[in-house]
Amino acid sequence: MRGRGEERAGRSRAALLRRAARIRLLLLDVDGVLTDGRLYYGEKGEVLKAFDVKDGHGLVLVRGFLELGVISGRGGLARTRLRELGFRHLAFAQKDKLVAYRRIASRRFPDQAVAYMGDDVNDLPLLARVGLSACPADAHPEVKARVEFVAERGGGRGAVRELCDLILAARGRTASGARTPPRRPARPRATRGRAG
């Protein structure tokens, strides 16, 4: 998996993996990151959002060694899904996302141990602060120009899974969550000589 953000920020794959290996807290925006940013309104005014199960599975794979949280500018319509996925830190209706970030991370997580994926200009101050900044492929152009990792997929369409896969790879795990076996040097094959 190679996100375009590696080249854009001038980072090598190895440098990106080193940053990802330090992550202990994964924070995400909701609208445009965990969802595609669209809101569906029902006849009675109820608001619905759609979530990608591949993103959810990626979060399940990393939640055993990372804490999960959201910082969103909108109200908490996604609480049910987030609880299902094991999110511990929920901050909704945040005009200034740095305020919520300080409350969540400051006591236990240094900036270098935090990854954040956002998609719009209101995410830029927080993206500039964390140890690993990321965005979906369909993020605002200004965001894409400033983050370290740009996913190949859009928000609500697998972008979060790509970030989870990057973190898994940095910890020596495959996309299935299994540990990758250590590489062993190739052994020369014995060849049988012909009797002559």
N, C-alpha and C. Protein backbone atom coordinates (compact mmCIF):
# COMPACT_ATOMS: atom_id res chain seq x y z
N MET A 1 0.83 -1.17 0.00
CA MET A 1 0.00 0.00 0.00
C MET A 1 0.88 1.24 0.00
N ARG A 2 0.69 2.12 -0.95
CA ARG A 2 1.42 3.38 -1.00
C ARG A 2 0.42 4.51 -1.13
N GLY A 3 0.31 5.30 -0.11
CA GLY A 3 -0.52 6.50 -0.21
C GLY A 3 0.26 7.59 -0.91
N ARG A 4 -0.45 8.44 -1.61
CA ARG A 4 0.21 9.51 -2.36
C ARG A 4 0.85 10.53 -1.43
N GLY A 5 0.44 10.59 -0.19
CA GLY A 5 0.98 11.57 0.75
C GLY A 5 2.46 11.41 0.99
N GLU A 6 2.99 10.22 0.78
CA GLU A 6 4.42 10.01 1.00
C GLU A 6 5.24 10.90 0.08
N GLU A 7 4.92 10.88 -1.21
CA GLU A 7 5.68 11.68 -2.16
C GLU A 7 5.38 13.17 -1.96
N ARG A 8 4.14 13.51 -1.70
CA ARG A 8 3.73 14.90 -1.58
C ARG A 8 4.46 15.59 -0.45
N ALA A 9 4.64 14.94 0.67
CA ALA A 9 5.33 15.55 1.80
C ALA A 9 6.83 15.31 1.73
N GLY A 10 7.30 14.61 0.71
CA GLY A 10 8.73 14.37 0.56
C GLY A 10 9.28 13.34 1.54
N ARG A 11 8.43 12.51 2.05
CA ARG A 11 8.88 11.51 3.02
C ARG A 11 9.05 10.16 2.33
N SER A 12 10.04 9.46 2.76
CA SER A 12 10.22 8.11 2.24
C SER A 12 9.26 7.17 2.96
N ARG A 13 9.05 6.03 2.37
CA ARG A 13 8.18 5.01 3.00
C ARG A 13 8.73 4.65 4.37
N ALA A 14 10.04 4.51 4.49
CA ALA A 14 10.65 4.14 5.77
C ALA A 14 10.40 5.21 6.84
N ALA A 15 10.51 6.47 6.46
CA ALA A 15 10.26 7.56 7.43
C ALA A 15 8.80 7.57 7.87
N LEU A 16 7.89 7.33 6.93
CA LEU A 16 6.48 7.29 7.26
C LEU A 16 6.17 6.13 8.19
N LEU A 17 6.77 4.98 7.94
CA LEU A 17 6.57 3.82 8.82
C LEU A 17 7.13 4.07 10.22
N ARG A 18 8.26 4.77 10.32
CA ARG A 18 8.81 5.11 11.64
C ARG A 18 7.84 5.98 12.43
N ARG A 19 7.25 6.96 11.76
CA ARG A 19 6.26 7.81 12.43
C ARG A 19 5.04 6.99 12.85
N ALA A 20 4.57 6.13 11.96
CA ALA A 20 3.38 5.32 12.24
C ALA A 20 3.63 4.33 13.37
N ALA A 21 4.85 3.88 13.53
CA ALA A 21 5.17 2.92 14.60
C ALA A 21 5.03 3.53 15.99
N ARG A 22 5.12 4.84 16.10
CA ARG A 22 5.03 5.52 17.40
C ARG A 22 3.60 5.81 17.83
N ILE A 23 2.62 5.58 16.96
CA ILE A 23 1.25 5.98 17.24
C ILE A 23 0.63 5.09 18.32
N ARG A 24 0.03 5.76 19.31
CA ARG A 24 -0.71 5.08 20.38
C ARG A 24 -2.15 5.55 20.49
N LEU A 25 -2.45 6.67 19.82
CA LEU A 25 -3.81 7.22 19.80
C LEU A 25 -4.15 7.61 18.37
N LEU A 26 -5.24 7.06 17.86
CA LEU A 26 -5.71 7.38 16.51
C LEU A 26 -6.99 8.19 16.63
N LEU A 27 -6.92 9.44 16.17
CA LEU A 27 -8.08 10.32 16.18
C LEU A 27 -8.56 10.53 14.75
N LEU A 28 -9.87 10.62 14.59
CA LEU A 28 -10.46 10.78 13.27
C LEU A 28 -11.57 11.83 13.31
N ASP A 29 -11.74 12.53 12.19
CA ASP A 29 -12.94 13.33 11.98
C ASP A 29 -14.03 12.33 11.57
N VAL A 30 -15.28 12.73 11.67
CA VAL A 30 -16.36 11.83 11.27
C VAL A 30 -16.79 12.13 9.83
N ASP A 31 -17.40 13.29 9.61
CA ASP A 31 -17.93 13.63 8.29
C ASP A 31 -16.80 13.89 7.31
N GLY A 32 -16.77 13.11 6.24
CA GLY A 32 -15.72 13.24 5.23
C GLY A 32 -14.52 12.34 5.47
N VAL A 33 -14.48 11.67 6.61
CA VAL A 33 -13.39 10.73 6.92
C VAL A 33 -13.98 9.35 7.19
N LEU A 34 -14.73 9.21 8.27
CA LEU A 34 -15.41 7.94 8.53
C LEU A 34 -16.65 7.77 7.64
N THR A 35 -17.19 8.89 7.16
CA THR A 35 -18.30 8.86 6.21
C THR A 35 -17.86 9.60 4.95
N ASP A 36 -18.67 9.52 3.92
CA ASP A 36 -18.33 10.23 2.69
C ASP A 36 -18.72 11.71 2.75
N GLY A 37 -19.22 12.16 3.88
CA GLY A 37 -19.55 13.56 4.07
C GLY A 37 -20.99 13.90 3.71
N ARG A 38 -21.71 12.96 3.12
CA ARG A 38 -23.10 13.24 2.77
C ARG A 38 -24.00 12.94 3.96
N LEU A 39 -25.08 13.72 4.06
CA LEU A 39 -26.10 13.51 5.10
C LEU A 39 -27.40 13.13 4.41
N TYR A 40 -28.05 12.09 4.91
CA TYR A 40 -29.32 11.63 4.36
C TYR A 40 -30.41 12.02 5.34
N TYR A 41 -31.44 12.71 4.85
CA TYR A 41 -32.55 13.13 5.71
C TYR A 41 -33.77 12.28 5.40
N GLY A 42 -34.37 11.73 6.45
CA GLY A 42 -35.60 10.96 6.30
C GLY A 42 -36.81 11.86 6.30
N GLU A 43 -37.98 11.27 6.08
CA GLU A 43 -39.23 12.02 6.01
C GLU A 43 -39.52 12.80 7.28
N LYS A 44 -39.11 12.28 8.41
CA LYS A 44 -39.40 12.92 9.70
C LYS A 44 -38.24 13.79 10.18
N GLY A 45 -37.28 14.06 9.30
CA GLY A 45 -36.16 14.93 9.66
C GLY A 45 -34.98 14.21 10.28
N GLU A 46 -35.07 12.89 10.39
CA GLU A 46 -33.94 12.13 10.96
C GLU A 46 -32.76 12.17 10.00
N VAL A 47 -31.56 12.25 10.56
CA VAL A 47 -30.34 12.33 9.77
C VAL A 47 -29.64 10.99 9.83
N LEU A 48 -29.22 10.49 8.68
CA LEU A 48 -28.51 9.22 8.60
C LEU A 48 -27.16 9.42 7.94
N LYS A 49 -26.19 8.60 8.34
CA LYS A 49 -24.85 8.60 7.75
C LYS A 49 -24.49 7.17 7.42
N ALA A 50 -23.65 6.99 6.41
CA ALA A 50 -23.21 5.65 6.01
C ALA A 50 -21.73 5.48 6.35
N PHE A 51 -21.38 4.30 6.86
CA PHE A 51 -20.01 3.97 7.23
C PHE A 51 -19.55 2.78 6.41
N ASP A 52 -18.27 2.75 6.06
CA ASP A 52 -17.69 1.66 5.28
C ASP A 52 -17.23 0.55 6.22
N VAL A 53 -17.66 -0.68 5.97
CA VAL A 53 -17.27 -1.78 6.85
C VAL A 53 -15.78 -2.09 6.76
N LYS A 54 -15.14 -1.78 5.63
CA LYS A 54 -13.69 -2.00 5.53
C LYS A 54 -12.94 -1.07 6.49
N ASP A 55 -13.39 0.18 6.59
CA ASP A 55 -12.81 1.08 7.58
C ASP A 55 -13.01 0.51 8.98
N GLY A 56 -14.21 0.03 9.25
CA GLY A 56 -14.51 -0.54 10.56
C GLY A 56 -13.63 -1.72 10.89
N HIS A 57 -13.40 -2.58 9.91
CA HIS A 57 -12.54 -3.75 10.17
C HIS A 57 -11.10 -3.33 10.44
N GLY A 58 -10.61 -2.34 9.72
CA GLY A 58 -9.27 -1.82 10.00
C GLY A 58 -9.16 -1.30 11.42
N LEU A 59 -10.19 -0.61 11.89
CA LEU A 59 -10.18 -0.10 13.27
C LEU A 59 -10.22 -1.23 14.28
N VAL A 60 -10.96 -2.28 13.98
CA VAL A 60 -10.98 -3.45 14.87
C VAL A 60 -9.59 -4.06 14.97
N LEU A 61 -8.85 -4.09 13.85
CA LEU A 61 -7.51 -4.68 13.85
C LEU A 61 -6.51 -3.88 14.67
N VAL A 62 -6.66 -2.55 14.74
CA VAL A 62 -5.68 -1.74 15.48
C VAL A 62 -6.09 -1.42 16.90
N ARG A 63 -7.36 -1.61 17.25
CA ARG A 63 -7.82 -1.18 18.57
C ARG A 63 -7.23 -1.99 19.72
N GLY A 64 -6.60 -3.11 19.43
CA GLY A 64 -5.96 -3.89 20.47
C GLY A 64 -4.68 -3.24 21.00
N PHE A 65 -4.08 -2.33 20.23
CA PHE A 65 -2.86 -1.68 20.69
C PHE A 65 -2.89 -0.16 20.53
N LEU A 66 -4.03 0.38 20.10
CA LEU A 66 -4.21 1.83 19.99
C LEU A 66 -5.50 2.23 20.68
N GLU A 67 -5.55 3.44 21.21
CA GLU A 67 -6.83 3.99 21.64
C GLU A 67 -7.41 4.74 20.46
N LEU A 68 -8.73 4.74 20.36
CA LEU A 68 -9.43 5.37 19.25
C LEU A 68 -10.27 6.53 19.74
N GLY A 69 -10.33 7.58 18.92
CA GLY A 69 -11.17 8.72 19.27
C GLY A 69 -11.60 9.50 18.05
N VAL A 70 -12.64 10.32 18.23
CA VAL A 70 -13.09 11.22 17.17
C VAL A 70 -13.13 12.64 17.73
N ILE A 71 -12.83 13.58 16.84
CA ILE A 71 -13.02 14.99 17.11
C ILE A 71 -13.76 15.53 15.90
N SER A 72 -15.02 15.90 16.10
CA SER A 72 -15.88 16.29 14.99
C SER A 72 -16.49 17.67 15.22
N GLY A 73 -16.67 18.39 14.15
CA GLY A 73 -17.30 19.70 14.23
C GLY A 73 -18.81 19.63 14.35
N ARG A 74 -19.41 18.50 14.00
CA ARG A 74 -20.87 18.33 14.06
C ARG A 74 -21.27 17.58 15.31
N GLY A 75 -22.57 17.54 15.53
CA GLY A 75 -23.13 16.81 16.66
C GLY A 75 -22.88 15.32 16.57
N GLY A 76 -23.20 14.60 17.62
CA GLY A 76 -22.83 13.19 17.75
C GLY A 76 -23.79 12.19 17.16
N LEU A 77 -24.10 12.30 15.88
CA LEU A 77 -25.01 11.35 15.24
C LEU A 77 -24.40 9.96 15.08
N ALA A 78 -23.10 9.83 15.22
CA ALA A 78 -22.41 8.57 14.93
C ALA A 78 -22.10 7.75 16.18
N ARG A 79 -22.61 8.13 17.33
CA ARG A 79 -22.23 7.48 18.59
C ARG A 79 -22.42 5.97 18.58
N THR A 80 -23.51 5.49 18.04
CA THR A 80 -23.78 4.05 18.06
C THR A 80 -22.68 3.29 17.33
N ARG A 81 -22.35 3.72 16.13
CA ARG A 81 -21.30 3.04 15.35
C ARG A 81 -19.95 3.13 16.05
N LEU A 82 -19.64 4.28 16.61
CA LEU A 82 -18.35 4.46 17.28
C LEU A 82 -18.24 3.57 18.52
N ARG A 83 -19.30 3.42 19.25
CA ARG A 83 -19.27 2.51 20.42
C ARG A 83 -19.06 1.07 19.97
N GLU A 84 -19.73 0.68 18.87
CA GLU A 84 -19.54 -0.68 18.33
C GLU A 84 -18.08 -0.95 18.02
N LEU A 85 -17.37 0.07 17.53
CA LEU A 85 -15.98 -0.09 17.12
C LEU A 85 -14.98 0.08 18.27
N GLY A 86 -15.45 0.44 19.45
CA GLY A 86 -14.56 0.53 20.60
C GLY A 86 -13.88 1.89 20.78
N PHE A 87 -14.46 2.96 20.24
CA PHE A 87 -13.89 4.29 20.44
C PHE A 87 -14.04 4.69 21.91
N ARG A 88 -12.96 5.20 22.48
CA ARG A 88 -12.97 5.62 23.89
C ARG A 88 -13.12 7.12 24.06
N HIS A 89 -12.68 7.88 23.08
CA HIS A 89 -12.65 9.34 23.19
C HIS A 89 -13.58 9.94 22.13
N LEU A 90 -14.65 10.61 22.58
CA LEU A 90 -15.63 11.18 21.67
C LEU A 90 -15.78 12.67 21.96
N ALA A 91 -15.49 13.51 20.97
CA ALA A 91 -15.66 14.96 21.11
C ALA A 91 -16.43 15.46 19.90
N PHE A 92 -17.67 15.91 20.12
CA PHE A 92 -18.53 16.37 19.05
C PHE A 92 -18.80 17.86 19.19
N ALA A 93 -19.28 18.47 18.11
CA ALA A 93 -19.65 19.89 18.06
C ALA A 93 -18.49 20.77 18.49
N GLN A 94 -17.30 20.48 17.97
CA GLN A 94 -16.09 21.21 18.33
C GLN A 94 -15.75 22.25 17.27
N LYS A 95 -15.94 23.53 17.60
CA LYS A 95 -15.55 24.60 16.67
C LYS A 95 -14.03 24.69 16.59
N ASP A 96 -13.37 24.56 17.72
CA ASP A 96 -11.90 24.57 17.79
C ASP A 96 -11.46 23.16 18.19
N LYS A 97 -11.00 22.39 17.22
CA LYS A 97 -10.66 20.99 17.49
C LYS A 97 -9.42 20.85 18.38
N LEU A 98 -8.58 21.87 18.44
CA LEU A 98 -7.40 21.80 19.31
C LEU A 98 -7.79 21.78 20.79
N VAL A 99 -8.89 22.42 21.15
CA VAL A 99 -9.36 22.40 22.53
C VAL A 99 -9.69 20.96 22.94
N ALA A 100 -10.45 20.27 22.10
CA ALA A 100 -10.79 18.87 22.39
C ALA A 100 -9.54 17.99 22.38
N TYR A 101 -8.64 18.25 21.44
CA TYR A 101 -7.39 17.48 21.37
C TYR A 101 -6.60 17.60 22.67
N ARG A 102 -6.46 18.81 23.17
CA ARG A 102 -5.71 18.99 24.44
C ARG A 102 -6.37 18.22 25.57
N ARG A 103 -7.68 18.22 25.62
CA ARG A 103 -8.40 17.50 26.67
C ARG A 103 -8.19 15.99 26.56
N ILE A 104 -8.19 15.48 25.35
CA ILE A 104 -8.06 14.03 25.15
C ILE A 104 -6.61 13.57 25.30
N ALA A 105 -5.69 14.25 24.65
CA ALA A 105 -4.33 13.73 24.49
C ALA A 105 -3.33 14.23 25.50
N SER A 106 -3.51 15.42 26.01
CA SER A 106 -2.42 16.06 26.77
C SER A 106 -1.95 15.28 27.99
N ARG A 107 -2.84 14.56 28.64
CA ARG A 107 -2.44 13.86 29.86
C ARG A 107 -1.65 12.59 29.61
N ARG A 108 -1.95 11.91 28.50
CA ARG A 108 -1.35 10.58 28.32
C ARG A 108 -0.60 10.38 27.03
N PHE A 109 -0.77 11.28 26.06
CA PHE A 109 -0.20 11.05 24.75
C PHE A 109 0.57 12.27 24.26
N PRO A 110 1.88 12.14 24.08
CA PRO A 110 2.62 13.24 23.45
C PRO A 110 2.18 13.36 21.99
N ASP A 111 2.37 14.54 21.41
CA ASP A 111 1.95 14.76 20.02
C ASP A 111 2.49 13.70 19.07
N GLN A 112 3.72 13.26 19.27
CA GLN A 112 4.35 12.28 18.36
C GLN A 112 3.65 10.93 18.39
N ALA A 113 2.85 10.66 19.44
CA ALA A 113 2.17 9.38 19.57
C ALA A 113 0.73 9.42 19.06
N VAL A 114 0.37 10.53 18.40
CA VAL A 114 -1.01 10.71 17.94
C VAL A 114 -1.05 10.84 16.42
N ALA A 115 -2.00 10.13 15.81
CA ALA A 115 -2.31 10.30 14.38
C ALA A 115 -3.70 10.90 14.28
N TYR A 116 -3.88 11.76 13.30
CA TYR A 116 -5.21 12.35 13.05
C TYR A 116 -5.47 12.38 11.56
N MET A 117 -6.68 11.96 11.18
CA MET A 117 -7.11 12.05 9.79
C MET A 117 -8.28 13.03 9.73
N GLY A 118 -8.08 14.09 8.95
CA GLY A 118 -9.11 15.09 8.72
C GLY A 118 -9.23 15.37 7.24
N ASP A 119 -10.27 16.11 6.85
CA ASP A 119 -10.51 16.30 5.43
C ASP A 119 -10.73 17.74 5.00
N ASP A 120 -10.83 18.69 5.93
CA ASP A 120 -11.15 20.05 5.51
C ASP A 120 -10.30 21.07 6.27
N VAL A 121 -10.42 22.32 5.88
CA VAL A 121 -9.52 23.36 6.41
C VAL A 121 -9.67 23.55 7.92
N ASN A 122 -10.83 23.25 8.49
CA ASN A 122 -10.97 23.36 9.94
C ASN A 122 -10.13 22.31 10.69
N ASP A 123 -9.60 21.34 9.97
CA ASP A 123 -8.74 20.31 10.58
C ASP A 123 -7.26 20.69 10.56
N LEU A 124 -6.89 21.71 9.81
CA LEU A 124 -5.47 22.05 9.61
C LEU A 124 -4.70 22.32 10.90
N PRO A 125 -5.22 23.09 11.86
CA PRO A 125 -4.44 23.30 13.10
C PRO A 125 -4.12 22.00 13.82
N LEU A 126 -5.07 21.09 13.88
CA LEU A 126 -4.83 19.80 14.55
C LEU A 126 -3.90 18.92 13.73
N LEU A 127 -4.06 18.92 12.42
CA LEU A 127 -3.17 18.13 11.56
C LEU A 127 -1.72 18.59 11.69
N ALA A 128 -1.52 19.88 11.90
CA ALA A 128 -0.16 20.42 12.05
C ALA A 128 0.46 20.05 13.39
N ARG A 129 -0.33 19.66 14.34
CA ARG A 129 0.14 19.39 15.70
C ARG A 129 0.56 17.95 15.95
N VAL A 130 -0.10 17.00 15.30
CA VAL A 130 0.06 15.58 15.64
C VAL A 130 1.31 14.97 15.00
N GLY A 131 1.68 13.79 15.47
CA GLY A 131 2.86 13.09 14.98
C GLY A 131 2.69 12.50 13.60
N LEU A 132 1.45 12.16 13.20
CA LEU A 132 1.18 11.62 11.88
C LEU A 132 -0.13 12.21 11.38
N SER A 133 -0.03 13.06 10.37
CA SER A 133 -1.22 13.70 9.80
C SER A 133 -1.62 12.98 8.52
N ALA A 134 -2.94 12.82 8.33
CA ALA A 134 -3.44 12.06 7.19
C ALA A 134 -4.76 12.65 6.71
N CYS A 135 -5.10 12.34 5.46
CA CYS A 135 -6.39 12.75 4.92
C CYS A 135 -6.83 11.77 3.83
N PRO A 136 -8.15 11.74 3.55
CA PRO A 136 -8.65 10.94 2.44
C PRO A 136 -8.28 11.57 1.10
N ALA A 137 -8.41 10.80 0.03
CA ALA A 137 -8.08 11.27 -1.31
C ALA A 137 -8.95 12.45 -1.74
N ASP A 138 -10.18 12.53 -1.23
CA ASP A 138 -11.08 13.60 -1.63
C ASP A 138 -11.11 14.76 -0.65
N ALA A 139 -10.06 14.91 0.14
CA ALA A 139 -9.96 16.03 1.08
C ALA A 139 -9.77 17.33 0.32
N HIS A 140 -9.97 18.44 1.02
CA HIS A 140 -9.74 19.76 0.43
C HIS A 140 -8.29 19.85 -0.05
N PRO A 141 -8.03 20.48 -1.19
CA PRO A 141 -6.66 20.56 -1.72
C PRO A 141 -5.63 21.13 -0.74
N GLU A 142 -6.03 22.10 0.06
CA GLU A 142 -5.09 22.68 1.02
C GLU A 142 -4.69 21.66 2.09
N VAL A 143 -5.61 20.81 2.47
CA VAL A 143 -5.31 19.75 3.44
C VAL A 143 -4.37 18.73 2.81
N LYS A 144 -4.67 18.31 1.58
CA LYS A 144 -3.83 17.33 0.90
C LYS A 144 -2.40 17.82 0.74
N ALA A 145 -2.23 19.11 0.58
CA ALA A 145 -0.89 19.68 0.40
C ALA A 145 -0.09 19.71 1.69
N ARG A 146 -0.75 19.60 2.84
CA ARG A 146 -0.05 19.78 4.12
C ARG A 146 0.12 18.52 4.96
N VAL A 147 -0.55 17.44 4.61
CA VAL A 147 -0.45 16.24 5.44
C VAL A 147 0.69 15.34 4.98
N GLU A 148 1.03 14.39 5.84
CA GLU A 148 2.11 13.45 5.54
C GLU A 148 1.63 12.23 4.77
N PHE A 149 0.34 11.90 4.91
CA PHE A 149 -0.19 10.71 4.25
C PHE A 149 -1.55 11.04 3.63
N VAL A 150 -1.64 10.91 2.32
CA VAL A 150 -2.90 11.06 1.60
C VAL A 150 -3.33 9.67 1.14
N ALA A 151 -4.47 9.22 1.62
CA ALA A 151 -4.97 7.90 1.22
C ALA A 151 -5.34 7.90 -0.26
N GLU A 152 -5.36 6.74 -0.85
CA GLU A 152 -5.76 6.61 -2.24
C GLU A 152 -7.28 6.56 -2.38
N ARG A 153 -7.96 6.27 -1.29
CA ARG A 153 -9.43 6.19 -1.30
C ARG A 153 -10.03 7.40 -0.60
N GLY A 154 -11.29 7.64 -0.88
CA GLY A 154 -11.99 8.78 -0.31
C GLY A 154 -12.53 8.51 1.08
N GLY A 155 -13.03 9.57 1.71
CA GLY A 155 -13.64 9.45 3.02
C GLY A 155 -14.88 8.57 2.97
N GLY A 156 -15.04 7.70 3.96
CA GLY A 156 -16.16 6.78 3.98
C GLY A 156 -16.09 5.71 2.92
N ARG A 157 -14.93 5.58 2.28
CA ARG A 157 -14.74 4.62 1.17
C ARG A 157 -13.43 3.85 1.29
N GLY A 158 -12.89 3.74 2.51
CA GLY A 158 -11.68 2.95 2.70
C GLY A 158 -10.45 3.74 3.09
N ALA A 159 -10.53 5.06 3.19
CA ALA A 159 -9.36 5.87 3.57
C ALA A 159 -8.86 5.51 4.97
N VAL A 160 -9.78 5.33 5.90
CA VAL A 160 -9.39 4.99 7.27
C VAL A 160 -8.70 3.62 7.29
N ARG A 161 -9.19 2.69 6.48
CA ARG A 161 -8.57 1.37 6.41
C ARG A 161 -7.12 1.47 5.93
N GLU A 162 -6.86 2.35 4.96
CA GLU A 162 -5.49 2.54 4.48
C GLU A 162 -4.58 3.04 5.60
N LEU A 163 -5.07 3.96 6.40
CA LEU A 163 -4.28 4.46 7.52
C LEU A 163 -4.05 3.36 8.55
N CYS A 164 -5.07 2.57 8.82
CA CYS A 164 -4.91 1.44 9.75
C CYS A 164 -3.89 0.44 9.21
N ASP A 165 -3.94 0.16 7.91
CA ASP A 165 -2.98 -0.76 7.29
C ASP A 165 -1.56 -0.23 7.41
N LEU A 166 -1.38 1.09 7.26
CA LEU A 166 -0.06 1.70 7.43
C LEU A 166 0.45 1.48 8.86
N ILE A 167 -0.41 1.70 9.83
CA ILE A 167 -0.03 1.52 11.24
C ILE A 167 0.27 0.05 11.52
N LEU A 168 -0.52 -0.85 10.95
CA LEU A 168 -0.26 -2.28 11.11
C LEU A 168 1.10 -2.64 10.53
N ALA A 169 1.39 -2.16 9.32
CA ALA A 169 2.67 -2.45 8.68
C ALA A 169 3.83 -1.91 9.52
N ALA A 170 3.65 -0.75 10.11
CA ALA A 170 4.71 -0.17 10.95
C ALA A 170 4.97 -1.00 12.19
N ARG A 171 3.99 -1.76 12.61
CA ARG A 171 4.14 -2.62 13.78
C ARG A 171 4.44 -4.07 13.40
N GLY A 172 4.79 -4.28 12.14
CA GLY A 172 5.16 -5.62 11.71
C GLY A 172 3.99 -6.56 11.60
N ARG A 173 2.83 -6.05 11.23
CA ARG A 173 1.64 -6.88 11.08
C ARG A 173 1.12 -6.77 9.66
N THR A 174 0.43 -7.80 9.22
CA THR A 174 -0.17 -7.77 7.90
C THR A 174 -1.53 -7.09 8.00
N ALA A 175 -2.16 -6.87 6.86
CA ALA A 175 -3.49 -6.26 6.84
C ALA A 175 -4.52 -7.12 7.56
N SER A 176 -4.25 -8.40 7.74
CA SER A 176 -5.17 -9.26 8.50
C SER A 176 -4.93 -9.16 10.00
N GLY A 177 -3.88 -8.45 10.39
CA GLY A 177 -3.55 -8.30 11.80
C GLY A 177 -2.52 -9.29 12.29
N ALA A 178 -2.18 -10.28 11.46
CA ALA A 178 -1.19 -11.29 11.86
C ALA A 178 0.21 -10.67 11.81
N ARG A 179 1.06 -11.16 12.67
CA ARG A 179 2.46 -10.69 12.66
C ARG A 179 3.14 -11.20 11.40
N THR A 180 3.92 -10.32 10.80
CA THR A 180 4.68 -10.75 9.63
C THR A 180 5.90 -11.51 10.12
N PRO A 181 6.19 -12.63 9.48
CA PRO A 181 7.36 -13.39 9.93
C PRO A 181 8.64 -12.61 9.62
N PRO A 182 9.63 -12.75 10.48
CA PRO A 182 10.90 -12.07 10.19
C PRO A 182 11.50 -12.63 8.90
N ARG A 183 12.14 -11.77 8.16
CA ARG A 183 12.77 -12.22 6.92
C ARG A 183 14.03 -13.00 7.23
N ARG A 184 14.15 -14.11 6.55
CA ARG A 184 15.34 -14.94 6.71
C ARG A 184 16.15 -14.85 5.43
N PRO A 185 17.44 -14.87 5.56
CA PRO A 185 18.24 -14.84 4.33
C PRO A 185 17.96 -16.09 3.50
N ALA A 186 17.97 -15.90 2.21
CA ALA A 186 17.73 -17.03 1.31
C ALA A 186 18.88 -18.02 1.42
N ARG A 187 18.51 -19.28 1.45
CA ARG A 187 19.53 -20.34 1.50
C ARG A 187 19.83 -20.80 0.09
N PRO A 188 21.08 -21.04 -0.19
CA PRO A 188 21.38 -21.60 -1.52
C PRO A 188 20.82 -23.00 -1.62
N ARG A 189 20.28 -23.30 -2.76
CA ARG A 189 19.71 -24.63 -2.97
C ARG A 189 20.83 -25.59 -3.32
N ALA A 190 20.70 -26.76 -2.77
CA ALA A 190 21.64 -27.81 -3.12
C ALA A 190 21.23 -28.38 -4.47
N THR A 191 22.16 -28.55 -5.33
CA THR A 191 21.84 -29.14 -6.64
C THR A 191 22.47 -30.51 -6.70
N ARG A 192 21.80 -31.36 -7.37
CA ARG A 192 22.33 -32.72 -7.51
C ARG A 192 23.16 -32.79 -8.77
N GLY A 193 24.33 -33.24 -8.59
CA GLY A 193 25.20 -33.41 -9.76
C GLY A 193 24.88 -34.71 -10.48
N ARG A 194 25.15 -34.73 -11.73
CA ARG A 194 24.92 -35.94 -12.51
C ARG A 194 26.16 -36.81 -12.45
N ALA A 195 25.92 -38.02 -12.28
CA ALA A 195 27.05 -38.95 -12.30
C ALA A 195 27.49 -39.14 -13.74
N GLY A 196 28.72 -39.08 -13.97
CA GLY A 196 29.14 -39.16 -15.34
C GLY A 196 30.16 -40.09 -15.61
